[in-house]
Amino acid sequence: MSYLYNDGENESHLLNVIVSLEGQELICDVNRNKDRNIHEFNEIDAQINQQITENHNALKQIPEVYSNVLGKIQFAQCKIKSCKEKIDRCKTSLQCQRDDLKRLYLDSVTNGQILDLLARIDKVREVSGVLDNYIKCKHYQHATKLLKTNVALLEGNLSSVDALKEVKEDLKKEKSTDCDSALIPLL
């Protein structure tokens, strides 16, 4: 049995030798992996350094280009703000001018109506003289038409004009005078 016991010691010693050999193989594997990783790292580092060297000018210009673009954007924003203020001033000015134009248009329409009314009044005031001329020339038909249209005008559109009351009365007198007897059949 001592032989077996010895064998147990030998076995444990043998196991220790195997474990130490395996440990050495692991260390060798680790060292090989480490060397390979260092070699790959150096290759990648060299490639990065080469790309940095090749693109150094472009990388240097990036901040300059960015600052130029930023300056142009700020300038454009200032111009846009200025244009917006000008547009607002123009809108205000146009609104004022629009109100002025509307007021002037209404004034011109009113003045046009007043001028038309004054022209009618002048024609009605001149009727008595023209009517007398027609009667003297024995143009009774023209005198009748003139008298008829002016009486209708005085009783219609111009009925509210106080200054024409005298003219209206004169025309009514003309209608009722001796000449009117000759004109009545024509009315």
N, C-alpha and C. Protein backbone atom coordinates (compact mmCIF):
# COMPACT_ATOMS: atom_id res chain seq x y z
N MET A 1 0.80 -1.18 0.00
CA MET A 1 0.00 0.00 0.00
C MET A 1 0.85 1.26 0.00
N SER A 2 1.99 1.12 0.50
CA SER A 2 2.88 2.27 0.50
C SER A 2 3.20 2.67 -0.95
N TYR A 3 3.14 1.65 -1.81
CA TYR A 3 3.39 1.93 -3.19
C TYR A 3 2.31 2.82 -3.76
N LEU A 4 1.11 2.54 -3.32
CA LEU A 4 0.01 3.39 -3.77
C LEU A 4 0.13 4.78 -3.19
N TYR A 5 0.61 4.80 -2.00
CA TYR A 5 0.70 6.10 -1.37
C TYR A 5 1.73 6.94 -2.08
N ASN A 6 2.79 6.27 -2.46
CA ASN A 6 3.82 6.95 -3.18
C ASN A 6 3.29 7.44 -4.52
N ASP A 7 2.52 6.58 -5.06
CA ASP A 7 1.94 6.97 -6.34
C ASP A 7 1.08 8.21 -6.19
N GLY A 8 0.44 8.36 -5.11
CA GLY A 8 -0.41 9.52 -4.87
C GLY A 8 0.44 10.78 -4.82
N GLU A 9 1.61 10.63 -4.19
CA GLU A 9 2.48 11.79 -4.12
C GLU A 9 3.02 12.10 -5.51
N ASN A 10 3.34 11.07 -6.22
CA ASN A 10 3.86 11.26 -7.57
C ASN A 10 2.77 11.89 -8.47
N GLU A 11 1.60 11.44 -8.23
CA GLU A 11 0.50 11.97 -9.04
C GLU A 11 0.29 13.45 -8.75
N SER A 12 0.36 13.78 -7.50
CA SER A 12 0.15 15.18 -7.17
C SER A 12 1.31 16.01 -7.71
N HIS A 13 2.51 15.44 -7.64
CA HIS A 13 3.64 16.14 -8.16
C HIS A 13 3.49 16.28 -9.69
N LEU A 14 3.05 15.24 -10.32
CA LEU A 14 2.83 15.25 -11.75
C LEU A 14 1.75 16.27 -12.12
N LEU A 15 0.73 16.35 -11.32
CA LEU A 15 -0.34 17.32 -11.57
C LEU A 15 0.21 18.74 -11.44
N ASN A 16 1.06 18.94 -10.46
CA ASN A 16 1.66 20.26 -10.27
C ASN A 16 2.50 20.64 -11.49
N VAL A 17 3.23 19.67 -12.02
CA VAL A 17 4.07 19.94 -13.18
C VAL A 17 3.17 20.26 -14.38
N ILE A 18 2.09 19.52 -14.54
CA ILE A 18 1.18 19.75 -15.68
C ILE A 18 0.56 21.13 -15.57
N VAL A 19 0.12 21.49 -14.36
CA VAL A 19 -0.51 22.79 -14.14
C VAL A 19 0.49 23.90 -14.43
N SER A 20 1.74 23.73 -13.99
CA SER A 20 2.73 24.78 -14.21
C SER A 20 3.05 24.90 -15.70
N LEU A 21 3.04 23.76 -16.42
CA LEU A 21 3.29 23.81 -17.86
C LEU A 21 2.11 24.49 -18.59
N GLU A 22 0.93 24.14 -18.13
CA GLU A 22 -0.23 24.78 -18.73
C GLU A 22 -0.22 26.29 -18.45
N GLY A 23 0.18 26.68 -17.27
CA GLY A 23 0.28 28.09 -16.91
C GLY A 23 1.28 28.80 -17.80
N GLN A 24 2.39 28.09 -18.10
CA GLN A 24 3.40 28.69 -18.97
C GLN A 24 2.82 28.85 -20.39
N GLU A 25 2.03 27.86 -20.84
CA GLU A 25 1.40 27.98 -22.16
C GLU A 25 0.42 29.15 -22.18
N LEU A 26 -0.34 29.33 -21.07
CA LEU A 26 -1.28 30.44 -20.98
C LEU A 26 -0.53 31.76 -21.02
N ILE A 27 0.56 31.82 -20.31
CA ILE A 27 1.35 33.05 -20.28
C ILE A 27 1.88 33.34 -21.67
N CYS A 28 2.33 32.27 -22.36
CA CYS A 28 2.82 32.45 -23.73
C CYS A 28 1.70 32.94 -24.65
N ASP A 29 0.50 32.35 -24.48
CA ASP A 29 -0.65 32.79 -25.29
C ASP A 29 -0.98 34.25 -25.00
N VAL A 30 -0.96 34.59 -23.74
CA VAL A 30 -1.27 35.98 -23.35
C VAL A 30 -0.22 36.90 -23.94
N ASN A 31 1.04 36.50 -23.86
CA ASN A 31 2.11 37.35 -24.40
C ASN A 31 1.96 37.48 -25.92
N ARG A 32 1.61 36.37 -26.60
CA ARG A 32 1.42 36.43 -28.05
C ARG A 32 0.23 37.35 -28.41
N ASN A 33 -0.86 37.21 -27.67
CA ASN A 33 -2.03 38.08 -27.91
C ASN A 33 -1.68 39.54 -27.64
N LYS A 34 -0.90 39.75 -26.58
CA LYS A 34 -0.49 41.11 -26.22
C LYS A 34 0.36 41.69 -27.34
N ASP A 35 1.33 40.92 -27.83
CA ASP A 35 2.18 41.40 -28.91
C ASP A 35 1.37 41.70 -30.18
N ARG A 36 0.44 40.79 -30.50
CA ARG A 36 -0.41 40.98 -31.67
C ARG A 36 -1.27 42.24 -31.51
N ASN A 37 -1.87 42.46 -30.33
CA ASN A 37 -2.69 43.64 -30.07
C ASN A 37 -1.86 44.91 -30.15
N ILE A 38 -0.64 44.86 -29.62
CA ILE A 38 0.23 46.04 -29.68
C ILE A 38 0.57 46.34 -31.14
N HIS A 39 0.86 45.29 -31.92
CA HIS A 39 1.18 45.48 -33.32
C HIS A 39 -0.02 46.08 -34.08
N GLU A 40 -1.23 45.56 -33.85
CA GLU A 40 -2.43 46.09 -34.50
C GLU A 40 -2.69 47.52 -34.06
N PHE A 41 -2.50 47.80 -32.77
CA PHE A 41 -2.69 49.16 -32.27
C PHE A 41 -1.74 50.12 -32.95
N ASN A 42 -0.49 49.73 -33.08
CA ASN A 42 0.51 50.59 -33.74
C ASN A 42 0.14 50.83 -35.20
N GLU A 43 -0.36 49.80 -35.91
CA GLU A 43 -0.77 49.97 -37.30
C GLU A 43 -1.94 50.96 -37.41
N ILE A 44 -2.95 50.80 -36.56
CA ILE A 44 -4.13 51.68 -36.57
C ILE A 44 -3.73 53.10 -36.20
N ASP A 45 -2.85 53.23 -35.20
CA ASP A 45 -2.38 54.54 -34.78
C ASP A 45 -1.63 55.22 -35.92
N ALA A 46 -0.84 54.46 -36.65
CA ALA A 46 -0.10 55.02 -37.79
C ALA A 46 -1.09 55.46 -38.88
N GLN A 47 -2.15 54.68 -39.13
CA GLN A 47 -3.15 55.06 -40.14
C GLN A 47 -3.87 56.35 -39.72
N ILE A 48 -4.21 56.45 -38.44
CA ILE A 48 -4.91 57.65 -37.94
C ILE A 48 -3.99 58.86 -38.08
N ASN A 49 -2.72 58.69 -37.69
CA ASN A 49 -1.78 59.80 -37.82
C ASN A 49 -1.62 60.23 -39.27
N GLN A 50 -1.60 59.26 -40.20
CA GLN A 50 -1.47 59.57 -41.61
C GLN A 50 -2.70 60.34 -42.10
N GLN A 51 -3.90 59.90 -41.68
CA GLN A 51 -5.13 60.59 -42.10
C GLN A 51 -5.18 61.99 -41.50
N ILE A 52 -4.74 62.15 -40.26
CA ILE A 52 -4.71 63.48 -39.63
C ILE A 52 -3.76 64.38 -40.41
N THR A 53 -2.60 63.83 -40.78
CA THR A 53 -1.64 64.61 -41.55
C THR A 53 -2.21 65.00 -42.91
N GLU A 54 -2.85 64.06 -43.58
CA GLU A 54 -3.43 64.35 -44.89
C GLU A 54 -4.56 65.37 -44.80
N ASN A 55 -5.36 65.30 -43.76
CA ASN A 55 -6.54 66.16 -43.63
C ASN A 55 -6.32 67.31 -42.66
N HIS A 56 -5.07 67.58 -42.33
CA HIS A 56 -4.77 68.63 -41.35
C HIS A 56 -5.28 69.99 -41.82
N ASN A 57 -5.05 70.33 -43.09
CA ASN A 57 -5.51 71.63 -43.61
C ASN A 57 -7.03 71.74 -43.57
N ALA A 58 -7.67 70.65 -43.96
CA ALA A 58 -9.14 70.66 -43.95
C ALA A 58 -9.65 70.78 -42.52
N LEU A 59 -9.01 70.09 -41.60
CA LEU A 59 -9.43 70.17 -40.19
C LEU A 59 -9.16 71.57 -39.63
N LYS A 60 -8.08 72.20 -40.10
CA LYS A 60 -7.77 73.55 -39.65
C LYS A 60 -8.79 74.56 -40.18
N GLN A 61 -9.34 74.32 -41.37
CA GLN A 61 -10.27 75.25 -42.00
C GLN A 61 -11.69 75.13 -41.45
N ILE A 62 -11.99 74.05 -40.80
CA ILE A 62 -13.35 73.84 -40.29
C ILE A 62 -13.79 74.98 -39.37
N PRO A 63 -13.01 75.37 -38.37
CA PRO A 63 -13.46 76.50 -37.53
C PRO A 63 -13.60 77.81 -38.31
N GLU A 64 -12.70 78.04 -39.28
CA GLU A 64 -12.80 79.25 -40.08
C GLU A 64 -14.07 79.25 -40.91
N VAL A 65 -14.35 78.14 -41.57
CA VAL A 65 -15.55 78.03 -42.40
C VAL A 65 -16.80 78.18 -41.52
N TYR A 66 -16.77 77.55 -40.36
CA TYR A 66 -17.92 77.65 -39.44
C TYR A 66 -18.15 79.09 -39.01
N SER A 67 -17.06 79.80 -38.67
CA SER A 67 -17.23 81.20 -38.24
C SER A 67 -17.71 82.06 -39.41
N ASN A 68 -17.24 81.79 -40.64
CA ASN A 68 -17.74 82.53 -41.81
C ASN A 68 -19.22 82.30 -42.02
N VAL A 69 -19.62 81.04 -41.96
CA VAL A 69 -21.04 80.70 -42.14
C VAL A 69 -21.88 81.34 -41.05
N LEU A 70 -21.39 81.30 -39.82
CA LEU A 70 -22.12 81.90 -38.70
C LEU A 70 -22.25 83.41 -38.90
N GLY A 71 -21.18 84.05 -39.39
CA GLY A 71 -21.24 85.49 -39.66
C GLY A 71 -22.25 85.82 -40.74
N LYS A 72 -22.26 85.01 -41.80
CA LYS A 72 -23.22 85.24 -42.88
C LYS A 72 -24.66 85.05 -42.40
N ILE A 73 -24.86 84.07 -41.55
CA ILE A 73 -26.21 83.83 -41.01
C ILE A 73 -26.64 85.02 -40.16
N GLN A 74 -25.75 85.53 -39.33
CA GLN A 74 -26.09 86.68 -38.49
C GLN A 74 -26.37 87.91 -39.35
N PHE A 75 -25.57 88.11 -40.41
CA PHE A 75 -25.80 89.23 -41.32
C PHE A 75 -27.16 89.11 -42.00
N ALA A 76 -27.48 87.88 -42.44
CA ALA A 76 -28.77 87.64 -43.10
C ALA A 76 -29.91 87.90 -42.12
N GLN A 77 -29.75 87.50 -40.87
CA GLN A 77 -30.79 87.74 -39.87
C GLN A 77 -31.00 89.23 -39.66
N CYS A 78 -29.92 90.01 -39.64
CA CYS A 78 -30.04 91.46 -39.50
C CYS A 78 -30.77 92.06 -40.69
N LYS A 79 -30.44 91.59 -41.91
CA LYS A 79 -31.12 92.11 -43.10
C LYS A 79 -32.60 91.76 -43.08
N ILE A 80 -32.90 90.54 -42.66
CA ILE A 80 -34.31 90.11 -42.59
C ILE A 80 -35.06 90.97 -41.59
N LYS A 81 -34.43 91.23 -40.44
CA LYS A 81 -35.07 92.07 -39.42
C LYS A 81 -35.30 93.47 -39.96
N SER A 82 -34.31 94.01 -40.67
CA SER A 82 -34.44 95.34 -41.27
C SER A 82 -35.56 95.37 -42.31
N CYS A 83 -35.61 94.33 -43.16
CA CYS A 83 -36.67 94.26 -44.18
C CYS A 83 -38.05 94.17 -43.53
N LYS A 84 -38.14 93.40 -42.46
CA LYS A 84 -39.42 93.25 -41.77
C LYS A 84 -39.87 94.60 -41.20
N GLU A 85 -38.93 95.35 -40.62
CA GLU A 85 -39.28 96.67 -40.09
C GLU A 85 -39.72 97.60 -41.22
N LYS A 86 -39.03 97.55 -42.36
CA LYS A 86 -39.42 98.39 -43.49
C LYS A 86 -40.81 98.02 -44.00
N ILE A 87 -41.08 96.72 -44.07
CA ILE A 87 -42.40 96.26 -44.52
C ILE A 87 -43.48 96.73 -43.57
N ASP A 88 -43.21 96.66 -42.27
CA ASP A 88 -44.20 97.14 -41.29
C ASP A 88 -44.45 98.63 -41.45
N ARG A 89 -43.37 99.41 -41.68
CA ARG A 89 -43.55 100.85 -41.90
C ARG A 89 -44.35 101.11 -43.17
N CYS A 90 -44.07 100.34 -44.22
CA CYS A 90 -44.82 100.50 -45.49
C CYS A 90 -46.30 100.17 -45.29
N LYS A 91 -46.56 99.08 -44.54
CA LYS A 91 -47.96 98.71 -44.29
C LYS A 91 -48.68 99.83 -43.55
N THR A 92 -48.01 100.41 -42.56
CA THR A 92 -48.62 101.51 -41.81
C THR A 92 -48.87 102.70 -42.72
N SER A 93 -47.86 103.02 -43.55
CA SER A 93 -48.00 104.15 -44.47
C SER A 93 -49.11 103.89 -45.48
N LEU A 94 -49.16 102.68 -46.00
CA LEU A 94 -50.22 102.34 -46.97
C LEU A 94 -51.60 102.40 -46.34
N GLN A 95 -51.69 101.98 -45.09
CA GLN A 95 -52.99 102.04 -44.40
C GLN A 95 -53.43 103.49 -44.27
N CYS A 96 -52.47 104.37 -43.89
CA CYS A 96 -52.81 105.80 -43.79
C CYS A 96 -53.19 106.35 -45.15
N GLN A 97 -52.43 106.02 -46.17
CA GLN A 97 -52.74 106.51 -47.50
C GLN A 97 -54.06 105.94 -48.00
N ARG A 98 -54.34 104.71 -47.64
CA ARG A 98 -55.60 104.10 -48.04
C ARG A 98 -56.77 104.87 -47.43
N ASP A 99 -56.64 105.20 -46.14
CA ASP A 99 -57.70 105.97 -45.48
C ASP A 99 -57.83 107.35 -46.12
N ASP A 100 -56.69 107.99 -46.44
CA ASP A 100 -56.74 109.29 -47.10
C ASP A 100 -57.39 109.19 -48.47
N LEU A 101 -57.00 108.16 -49.23
CA LEU A 101 -57.59 107.98 -50.56
C LEU A 101 -59.09 107.72 -50.48
N LYS A 102 -59.50 106.93 -49.51
CA LYS A 102 -60.93 106.65 -49.35
C LYS A 102 -61.68 107.95 -49.03
N ARG A 103 -61.10 108.74 -48.13
CA ARG A 103 -61.73 110.01 -47.76
C ARG A 103 -61.79 110.93 -48.97
N LEU A 104 -60.68 111.02 -49.73
CA LEU A 104 -60.65 111.88 -50.91
C LEU A 104 -61.64 111.40 -51.98
N TYR A 105 -61.75 110.07 -52.13
CA TYR A 105 -62.70 109.53 -53.10
C TYR A 105 -64.13 109.91 -52.72
N LEU A 106 -64.45 109.73 -51.44
CA LEU A 106 -65.80 110.08 -51.00
C LEU A 106 -66.05 111.58 -51.16
N ASP A 107 -65.03 112.39 -50.87
CA ASP A 107 -65.16 113.84 -51.08
C ASP A 107 -65.39 114.15 -52.55
N SER A 108 -64.65 113.47 -53.44
CA SER A 108 -64.81 113.75 -54.87
C SER A 108 -66.19 113.33 -55.37
N VAL A 109 -66.69 112.20 -54.86
CA VAL A 109 -68.04 111.76 -55.25
C VAL A 109 -69.06 112.79 -54.79
N THR A 110 -68.90 113.23 -53.54
CA THR A 110 -69.83 114.24 -53.00
C THR A 110 -69.74 115.53 -53.80
N ASN A 111 -68.50 115.96 -54.10
CA ASN A 111 -68.33 117.20 -54.87
C ASN A 111 -68.89 117.05 -56.28
N GLY A 112 -68.73 115.86 -56.88
CA GLY A 112 -69.31 115.62 -58.20
C GLY A 112 -70.83 115.74 -58.18
N GLN A 113 -71.43 115.19 -57.13
CA GLN A 113 -72.89 115.30 -57.02
C GLN A 113 -73.31 116.75 -56.80
N ILE A 114 -72.52 117.47 -56.02
CA ILE A 114 -72.84 118.89 -55.78
C ILE A 114 -72.71 119.68 -57.08
N LEU A 115 -71.64 119.39 -57.85
CA LEU A 115 -71.47 120.09 -59.13
C LEU A 115 -72.61 119.77 -60.10
N ASP A 116 -73.03 118.53 -60.13
CA ASP A 116 -74.15 118.14 -60.99
C ASP A 116 -75.42 118.88 -60.56
N LEU A 117 -75.63 118.92 -59.27
CA LEU A 117 -76.81 119.62 -58.75
C LEU A 117 -76.75 121.11 -59.08
N LEU A 118 -75.56 121.71 -58.95
CA LEU A 118 -75.42 123.14 -59.28
C LEU A 118 -75.64 123.39 -60.77
N ALA A 119 -75.17 122.44 -61.60
CA ALA A 119 -75.40 122.60 -63.04
C ALA A 119 -76.88 122.53 -63.36
N ARG A 120 -77.60 121.64 -62.72
CA ARG A 120 -79.06 121.55 -62.92
C ARG A 120 -79.74 122.82 -62.45
N ILE A 121 -79.29 123.34 -61.32
CA ILE A 121 -79.89 124.57 -60.78
C ILE A 121 -79.67 125.72 -61.76
N ASP A 122 -78.44 125.81 -62.31
CA ASP A 122 -78.17 126.88 -63.28
C ASP A 122 -79.07 126.76 -64.50
N LYS A 123 -79.24 125.52 -64.99
CA LYS A 123 -80.11 125.32 -66.15
C LYS A 123 -81.54 125.73 -65.84
N VAL A 124 -82.02 125.39 -64.65
CA VAL A 124 -83.39 125.73 -64.27
C VAL A 124 -83.53 127.25 -64.15
N ARG A 125 -82.52 127.94 -63.64
CA ARG A 125 -82.59 129.40 -63.51
C ARG A 125 -82.61 130.08 -64.88
N GLU A 126 -81.96 129.47 -65.85
CA GLU A 126 -81.91 130.06 -67.19
C GLU A 126 -83.17 129.75 -68.00
N VAL A 127 -84.04 128.88 -67.50
CA VAL A 127 -85.21 128.43 -68.24
C VAL A 127 -86.14 129.59 -68.59
N SER A 128 -86.34 130.50 -67.68
CA SER A 128 -87.32 131.57 -67.96
C SER A 128 -86.90 132.41 -69.15
N GLY A 129 -85.61 132.71 -69.26
CA GLY A 129 -85.13 133.49 -70.43
C GLY A 129 -85.26 132.69 -71.71
N VAL A 130 -84.87 131.42 -71.68
CA VAL A 130 -84.95 130.58 -72.87
C VAL A 130 -86.41 130.37 -73.26
N LEU A 131 -87.25 130.19 -72.26
CA LEU A 131 -88.68 129.99 -72.50
C LEU A 131 -89.29 131.22 -73.18
N ASP A 132 -88.91 132.39 -72.73
CA ASP A 132 -89.40 133.62 -73.36
C ASP A 132 -88.95 133.70 -74.83
N ASN A 133 -87.71 133.32 -75.09
CA ASN A 133 -87.20 133.34 -76.48
C ASN A 133 -87.98 132.38 -77.36
N TYR A 134 -88.26 131.16 -76.83
CA TYR A 134 -89.02 130.18 -77.62
C TYR A 134 -90.41 130.73 -77.94
N ILE A 135 -91.02 131.35 -76.95
CA ILE A 135 -92.39 131.87 -77.17
C ILE A 135 -92.37 133.02 -78.17
N LYS A 136 -91.36 133.88 -78.07
CA LYS A 136 -91.26 135.01 -79.01
C LYS A 136 -91.06 134.49 -80.44
N CYS A 137 -90.29 133.42 -80.55
CA CYS A 137 -90.04 132.85 -81.88
C CYS A 137 -91.15 131.90 -82.32
N LYS A 138 -92.15 131.74 -81.48
CA LYS A 138 -93.29 130.88 -81.73
C LYS A 138 -92.88 129.40 -81.88
N HIS A 139 -91.90 129.00 -81.09
CA HIS A 139 -91.49 127.59 -81.00
C HIS A 139 -92.18 126.99 -79.78
N TYR A 140 -93.47 126.81 -79.91
CA TYR A 140 -94.27 126.38 -78.78
C TYR A 140 -93.94 124.94 -78.34
N GLN A 141 -93.62 124.13 -79.28
CA GLN A 141 -93.32 122.74 -78.93
C GLN A 141 -92.04 122.68 -78.06
N HIS A 142 -91.01 123.39 -78.46
CA HIS A 142 -89.77 123.42 -77.66
C HIS A 142 -90.02 124.05 -76.29
N ALA A 143 -90.83 125.09 -76.28
CA ALA A 143 -91.15 125.77 -75.01
C ALA A 143 -91.91 124.82 -74.10
N THR A 144 -92.84 124.04 -74.67
CA THR A 144 -93.61 123.10 -73.86
C THR A 144 -92.72 122.02 -73.28
N LYS A 145 -91.83 121.46 -74.10
CA LYS A 145 -90.92 120.42 -73.60
C LYS A 145 -90.02 120.97 -72.51
N LEU A 146 -89.48 122.15 -72.74
CA LEU A 146 -88.60 122.77 -71.75
C LEU A 146 -89.34 123.02 -70.45
N LEU A 147 -90.54 123.54 -70.54
CA LEU A 147 -91.33 123.82 -69.35
C LEU A 147 -91.69 122.53 -68.62
N LYS A 148 -92.06 121.52 -69.37
CA LYS A 148 -92.46 120.24 -68.77
C LYS A 148 -91.27 119.58 -68.05
N THR A 149 -90.12 119.52 -68.69
CA THR A 149 -88.96 118.86 -68.06
C THR A 149 -88.49 119.63 -66.84
N ASN A 150 -88.51 120.93 -66.88
CA ASN A 150 -88.03 121.72 -65.75
C ASN A 150 -89.00 121.69 -64.57
N VAL A 151 -90.29 121.67 -64.86
CA VAL A 151 -91.27 121.54 -63.77
C VAL A 151 -91.11 120.17 -63.11
N ALA A 152 -90.92 119.13 -63.91
CA ALA A 152 -90.71 117.79 -63.35
C ALA A 152 -89.42 117.74 -62.53
N LEU A 153 -88.39 118.40 -62.99
CA LEU A 153 -87.12 118.44 -62.26
C LEU A 153 -87.28 119.18 -60.95
N LEU A 154 -88.00 120.28 -60.98
CA LEU A 154 -88.21 121.06 -59.76
C LEU A 154 -89.09 120.32 -58.76
N GLU A 155 -90.02 119.53 -59.24
CA GLU A 155 -90.89 118.78 -58.33
C GLU A 155 -90.25 117.45 -57.92
N GLY A 156 -89.19 117.03 -58.61
CA GLY A 156 -88.52 115.76 -58.31
C GLY A 156 -87.24 115.96 -57.52
N ASN A 157 -86.11 115.88 -58.22
CA ASN A 157 -84.79 115.92 -57.58
C ASN A 157 -84.50 117.24 -56.88
N LEU A 158 -84.99 118.32 -57.42
CA LEU A 158 -84.67 119.64 -56.87
C LEU A 158 -85.78 120.19 -55.98
N SER A 159 -86.69 119.36 -55.56
CA SER A 159 -87.81 119.86 -54.75
C SER A 159 -87.36 120.34 -53.38
N SER A 160 -86.26 119.86 -52.88
CA SER A 160 -85.82 120.26 -51.54
C SER A 160 -84.90 121.48 -51.55
N VAL A 161 -84.59 122.01 -52.72
CA VAL A 161 -83.71 123.18 -52.80
C VAL A 161 -84.56 124.43 -52.62
N ASP A 162 -84.29 125.13 -51.50
CA ASP A 162 -85.09 126.32 -51.17
C ASP A 162 -84.81 127.49 -52.12
N ALA A 163 -83.63 127.58 -52.64
CA ALA A 163 -83.26 128.69 -53.52
C ALA A 163 -84.04 128.66 -54.83
N LEU A 164 -84.60 127.52 -55.17
CA LEU A 164 -85.33 127.39 -56.43
C LEU A 164 -86.82 127.60 -56.29
N LYS A 165 -87.28 127.95 -55.11
CA LYS A 165 -88.72 128.17 -54.92
C LYS A 165 -89.22 129.30 -55.80
N GLU A 166 -88.43 130.33 -55.94
CA GLU A 166 -88.84 131.46 -56.79
C GLU A 166 -88.94 131.01 -58.25
N VAL A 167 -87.93 130.25 -58.69
CA VAL A 167 -87.94 129.78 -60.08
C VAL A 167 -89.14 128.87 -60.31
N LYS A 168 -89.43 128.02 -59.34
CA LYS A 168 -90.56 127.10 -59.44
C LYS A 168 -91.87 127.90 -59.54
N GLU A 169 -92.00 128.92 -58.73
CA GLU A 169 -93.20 129.75 -58.79
C GLU A 169 -93.31 130.49 -60.12
N ASP A 170 -92.15 130.96 -60.61
CA ASP A 170 -92.15 131.66 -61.90
C ASP A 170 -92.60 130.73 -63.03
N LEU A 171 -92.09 129.47 -63.00
CA LEU A 171 -92.48 128.53 -64.04
C LEU A 171 -93.96 128.18 -63.95
N LYS A 172 -94.45 128.07 -62.73
CA LYS A 172 -95.88 127.79 -62.58
C LYS A 172 -96.72 128.98 -63.07
N LYS A 173 -96.22 130.18 -62.86
CA LYS A 173 -96.91 131.36 -63.37
C LYS A 173 -96.90 131.36 -64.89
N GLU A 174 -95.78 131.00 -65.46
CA GLU A 174 -95.68 130.92 -66.92
C GLU A 174 -96.69 129.93 -67.47
N LYS A 175 -96.79 128.83 -66.74
CA LYS A 175 -97.70 127.79 -67.18
C LYS A 175 -99.15 128.29 -67.13
N SER A 176 -99.43 129.14 -66.17
CA SER A 176 -100.81 129.59 -66.02
C SER A 176 -101.09 130.91 -66.75
N THR A 177 -100.12 131.49 -67.41
CA THR A 177 -100.33 132.76 -68.13
C THR A 177 -101.07 132.54 -69.44
N ASP A 178 -101.22 133.62 -70.15
CA ASP A 178 -101.93 133.58 -71.43
C ASP A 178 -101.22 132.68 -72.43
N CYS A 179 -99.86 132.64 -72.33
CA CYS A 179 -99.10 131.78 -73.25
C CYS A 179 -99.38 130.32 -72.96
N ASP A 180 -99.76 130.07 -71.72
CA ASP A 180 -99.99 128.69 -71.30
C ASP A 180 -101.19 128.10 -72.02
N SER A 181 -102.10 128.93 -72.39
CA SER A 181 -103.28 128.43 -73.10
C SER A 181 -102.90 127.82 -74.44
N ALA A 182 -101.86 128.39 -75.01
CA ALA A 182 -101.37 127.85 -76.29
C ALA A 182 -100.52 126.57 -76.05
N LEU A 183 -99.93 126.49 -74.88
CA LEU A 183 -99.03 125.37 -74.58
C LEU A 183 -99.76 124.18 -73.99
N ILE A 184 -100.93 124.39 -73.39
CA ILE A 184 -101.61 123.32 -72.68
C ILE A 184 -101.92 122.13 -73.58
N PRO A 185 -102.38 122.33 -74.80
CA PRO A 185 -102.66 121.16 -75.62
C PRO A 185 -101.40 120.32 -75.88
N LEU A 186 -100.25 120.95 -75.84
CA LEU A 186 -99.04 120.21 -76.11
C LEU A 186 -98.57 119.41 -74.89
N LEU A 187 -98.99 119.79 -73.70
CA LEU A 187 -98.60 119.07 -72.49
C LEU A 187 -99.34 117.77 -72.44
